Amino acid sequence: MTLPESLQQSFDTKLQQDQESRKMPILSNIERRAMEAGRQEGMQTGLQQGMLQTARSNVLEVLTVRFNSVPLDLTNRVNQIADIAILKDLLKRAISIGSIAEFEQILDANSPAN
């Protein structure tokens, strides 16, 4: 028995979809947990990066408000700092320092080379 062309196409499409759905792997509990752990790790990394960027921006904003501008090399140095504790300390110091030069000395003292 032969089906009309339109019905044959519809049948073929549905048959193919059914076969593909049966091929779909079922995720094991281990795979699901691994995916969730990866998702959590990604969120944590993103959160840490956001906190670092905010801390850097805060330091530079205080310096800009206090001294009207911040030299590009100083901005680049602050943006290279990846330790939130150092950035928090620099923010406190940026509030009370007397000059950009004084801040640069503080930054030099906190650099990993020293």
C-alpha atoms as a PDB file:
ATOM      1  CA  MET A   1       0.000   0.000   0.000  1.00  0.00           C
ATOM      2  CA  THR A   2       1.334   3.405  -0.981  1.00  0.00           C
ATOM      3  CA  LEU A   3       0.587   6.608   0.925  1.00  0.00           C
ATOM      4  CA  PRO A   4      -0.026   9.916  -0.788  1.00  0.00           C
ATOM      5  CA  GLU A   5       3.165  12.049  -1.003  1.00  0.00           C
ATOM      6  CA  SER A   6       2.148  14.531   1.740  1.00  0.00           C
ATOM      7  CA  LEU A   7       1.237  11.742   4.165  1.00  0.00           C
ATOM      8  CA  GLN A   8       4.436   9.862   3.346  1.00  0.00           C
ATOM      9  CA  GLN A   9       6.536  12.966   4.156  1.00  0.00           C
ATOM     10  CA  SER A  10       4.646  13.503   7.397  1.00  0.00           C
ATOM     11  CA  PHE A  11       5.103   9.849   8.345  1.00  0.00           C
ATOM     12  CA  ASP A  12       8.830   9.945   7.510  1.00  0.00           C
ATOM     13  CA  THR A  13       9.315  13.111   9.572  1.00  0.00           C
ATOM     14  CA  LYS A  14       7.516  11.678  12.598  1.00  0.00           C
ATOM     15  CA  LEU A  15       9.392   8.405  12.298  1.00  0.00           C
ATOM     16  CA  GLN A  16      12.726  10.228  12.168  1.00  0.00           C
ATOM     17  CA  GLN A  17      11.804  12.363  15.202  1.00  0.00           C
ATOM     18  CA  ASP A  18      10.811   9.258  17.134  1.00  0.00           C
ATOM     19  CA  GLN A  19      14.076   7.515  16.277  1.00  0.00           C
ATOM     20  CA  GLU A  20      16.124  10.571  17.274  1.00  0.00           C
ATOM     21  CA  SER A  21      14.322  10.901  20.594  1.00  0.00           C
ATOM     22  CA  ARG A  22      15.176   7.283  21.388  1.00  0.00           C
ATOM     23  CA  LYS A  23      18.859   7.955  20.673  1.00  0.00           C
ATOM     24  CA  MET A  24      18.979  10.817  23.165  1.00  0.00           C
ATOM     25  CA  PRO A  25      21.159   9.761  26.077  1.00  0.00           C
ATOM     26  CA  ILE A  26      19.745   9.846  29.545  1.00  0.00           C
ATOM     27  CA  LEU A  27      22.015  11.755  31.885  1.00  0.00           C
ATOM     28  CA  SER A  28      23.158   9.791  34.857  1.00  0.00           C
ATOM     29  CA  ASN A  29      23.094  11.240  38.337  1.00  0.00           C
ATOM     30  CA  ILE A  30      26.876  11.566  38.212  1.00  0.00           C
ATOM     31  CA  GLU A  31      26.699  13.546  34.976  1.00  0.00           C
ATOM     32  CA  ARG A  32      24.000  15.814  36.396  1.00  0.00           C
ATOM     33  CA  ARG A  33      26.042  16.458  39.531  1.00  0.00           C
ATOM     34  CA  ALA A  34      29.134  17.171  37.448  1.00  0.00           C
ATOM     35  CA  MET A  35      27.189  19.624  35.310  1.00  0.00           C
ATOM     36  CA  GLU A  36      25.790  21.348  38.391  1.00  0.00           C
ATOM     37  CA  ALA A  37      29.248  21.549  39.965  1.00  0.00           C
ATOM     38  CA  GLY A  38      30.593  23.099  36.763  1.00  0.00           C
ATOM     39  CA  ARG A  39      27.749  25.591  36.708  1.00  0.00           C
ATOM     40  CA  GLN A  40      28.371  26.506  40.363  1.00  0.00           C
ATOM     41  CA  GLU A  41      32.094  26.887  39.736  1.00  0.00           C
ATOM     42  CA  GLY A  42      31.389  29.170  36.793  1.00  0.00           C
ATOM     43  CA  MET A  43      29.050  31.301  38.886  1.00  0.00           C
ATOM     44  CA  GLN A  44      31.618  31.524  41.690  1.00  0.00           C
ATOM     45  CA  THR A  45      34.363  32.543  39.263  1.00  0.00           C
ATOM     46  CA  GLY A  46      32.097  35.183  37.753  1.00  0.00           C
ATOM     47  CA  LEU A  47      31.224  36.522  41.194  1.00  0.00           C
ATOM     48  CA  GLN A  48      34.890  36.750  42.185  1.00  0.00           C
ATOM     49  CA  GLN A  49      35.760  38.536  38.949  1.00  0.00           C
ATOM     50  CA  GLY A  50      32.910  40.968  39.544  1.00  0.00           C
ATOM     51  CA  MET A  51      34.096  41.692  43.074  1.00  0.00           C
ATOM     52  CA  LEU A  52      37.648  42.290  41.851  1.00  0.00           C
ATOM     53  CA  GLN A  53      36.481  44.641  39.112  1.00  0.00           C
ATOM     54  CA  THR A  54      34.297  46.560  41.568  1.00  0.00           C
ATOM     55  CA  ALA A  55      37.182  46.898  44.037  1.00  0.00           C
ATOM     56  CA  ARG A  56      39.491  48.160  41.287  1.00  0.00           C
ATOM     57  CA  SER A  57      36.872  50.635  40.089  1.00  0.00           C
ATOM     58  CA  ASN A  58      36.318  51.899  43.631  1.00  0.00           C
ATOM     59  CA  VAL A  59      40.029  52.623  44.123  1.00  0.00           C
ATOM     60  CA  LEU A  60      40.266  54.450  40.805  1.00  0.00           C
ATOM     61  CA  GLU A  61      37.050  56.382  41.422  1.00  0.00           C
ATOM     62  CA  VAL A  62      38.262  57.679  44.798  1.00  0.00           C
ATOM     63  CA  LEU A  63      41.566  58.743  43.236  1.00  0.00           C
ATOM     64  CA  THR A  64      39.735  60.486  40.390  1.00  0.00           C
ATOM     65  CA  VAL A  65      37.413  62.336  42.761  1.00  0.00           C
ATOM     66  CA  ARG A  66      40.289  63.423  44.976  1.00  0.00           C
ATOM     67  CA  PHE A  67      42.853  64.329  42.308  1.00  0.00           C
ATOM     68  CA  ASN A  68      40.690  64.961  39.194  1.00  0.00           C
ATOM     69  CA  SER A  69      42.571  62.442  37.056  1.00  0.00           C
ATOM     70  CA  VAL A  70      44.610  59.283  37.375  1.00  0.00           C
ATOM     71  CA  PRO A  71      47.599  58.597  35.116  1.00  0.00           C
ATOM     72  CA  LEU A  72      47.048  55.741  32.676  1.00  0.00           C
ATOM     73  CA  ASP A  73      50.029  53.756  33.979  1.00  0.00           C
ATOM     74  CA  LEU A  74      48.617  53.948  37.508  1.00  0.00           C
ATOM     75  CA  THR A  75      45.195  52.857  36.241  1.00  0.00           C
ATOM     76  CA  ASN A  76      46.800  49.893  34.491  1.00  0.00           C
ATOM     77  CA  ARG A  77      48.703  48.913  37.632  1.00  0.00           C
ATOM     78  CA  VAL A  78      45.559  48.994  39.764  1.00  0.00           C
ATOM     79  CA  ASN A  79      43.698  46.964  37.132  1.00  0.00           C
ATOM     80  CA  GLN A  80      46.399  44.261  37.321  1.00  0.00           C
ATOM     81  CA  ILE A  81      45.870  43.643  41.047  1.00  0.00           C
ATOM     82  CA  ALA A  82      44.067  40.348  41.627  1.00  0.00           C
ATOM     83  CA  ASP A  83      44.021  40.332  45.441  1.00  0.00           C
ATOM     84  CA  ILE A  84      40.826  41.714  46.968  1.00  0.00           C
ATOM     85  CA  ALA A  85      42.520  42.339  50.344  1.00  0.00           C
ATOM     86  CA  ILE A  86      45.181  44.542  48.727  1.00  0.00           C
ATOM     87  CA  LEU A  87      42.504  46.444  46.811  1.00  0.00           C
ATOM     88  CA  LYS A  88      40.502  47.034  50.005  1.00  0.00           C
ATOM     89  CA  ASP A  89      43.631  48.364  51.708  1.00  0.00           C
ATOM     90  CA  LEU A  90      44.416  50.597  48.722  1.00  0.00           C
ATOM     91  CA  LEU A  91      40.869  51.973  48.802  1.00  0.00           C
ATOM     92  CA  LYS A  92      41.234  52.978  52.456  1.00  0.00           C
ATOM     93  CA  ARG A  93      44.586  54.599  51.742  1.00  0.00           C
ATOM     94  CA  ALA A  94      43.288  56.372  48.616  1.00  0.00           C
ATOM     95  CA  ILE A  95      40.757  58.148  50.815  1.00  0.00           C
ATOM     96  CA  SER A  96      43.394  59.698  53.072  1.00  0.00           C
ATOM     97  CA  ILE A  97      46.578  60.142  50.996  1.00  0.00           C
ATOM     98  CA  GLY A  98      47.894  63.575  50.103  1.00  0.00           C
ATOM     99  CA  SER A  99      48.879  63.040  46.478  1.00  0.00           C
ATOM    100  CA  ILE A 100      48.955  60.666  43.539  1.00  0.00           C
ATOM    101  CA  ALA A 101      52.723  60.315  44.080  1.00  0.00           C
ATOM    102  CA  GLU A 102      52.075  59.131  47.630  1.00  0.00           C
ATOM    103  CA  PHE A 103      49.582  56.578  46.316  1.00  0.00           C
ATOM    104  CA  GLU A 104      52.164  55.339  43.798  1.00  0.00           C
ATOM    105  CA  GLN A 105      54.616  54.785  46.673  1.00  0.00           C
ATOM    106  CA  ILE A 106      51.978  52.781  48.535  1.00  0.00           C
ATOM    107  CA  LEU A 107      51.288  50.808  45.369  1.00  0.00           C
ATOM    108  CA  ASP A 108      55.013  50.118  44.949  1.00  0.00           C
ATOM    109  CA  ALA A 109      55.171  48.821  48.521  1.00  0.00           C
ATOM    110  CA  ASN A 110      52.244  46.462  47.814  1.00  0.00           C
ATOM    111  CA  SER A 111      53.528  45.144  44.495  1.00  0.00           C
ATOM    112  CA  PRO A 112      54.566  41.467  44.375  1.00  0.00           C
ATOM    113  CA  ALA A 113      58.130  42.430  43.368  1.00  0.00           C
ATOM    114  CA  ASN A 114      58.721  43.836  46.869  1.00  0.00           C
END
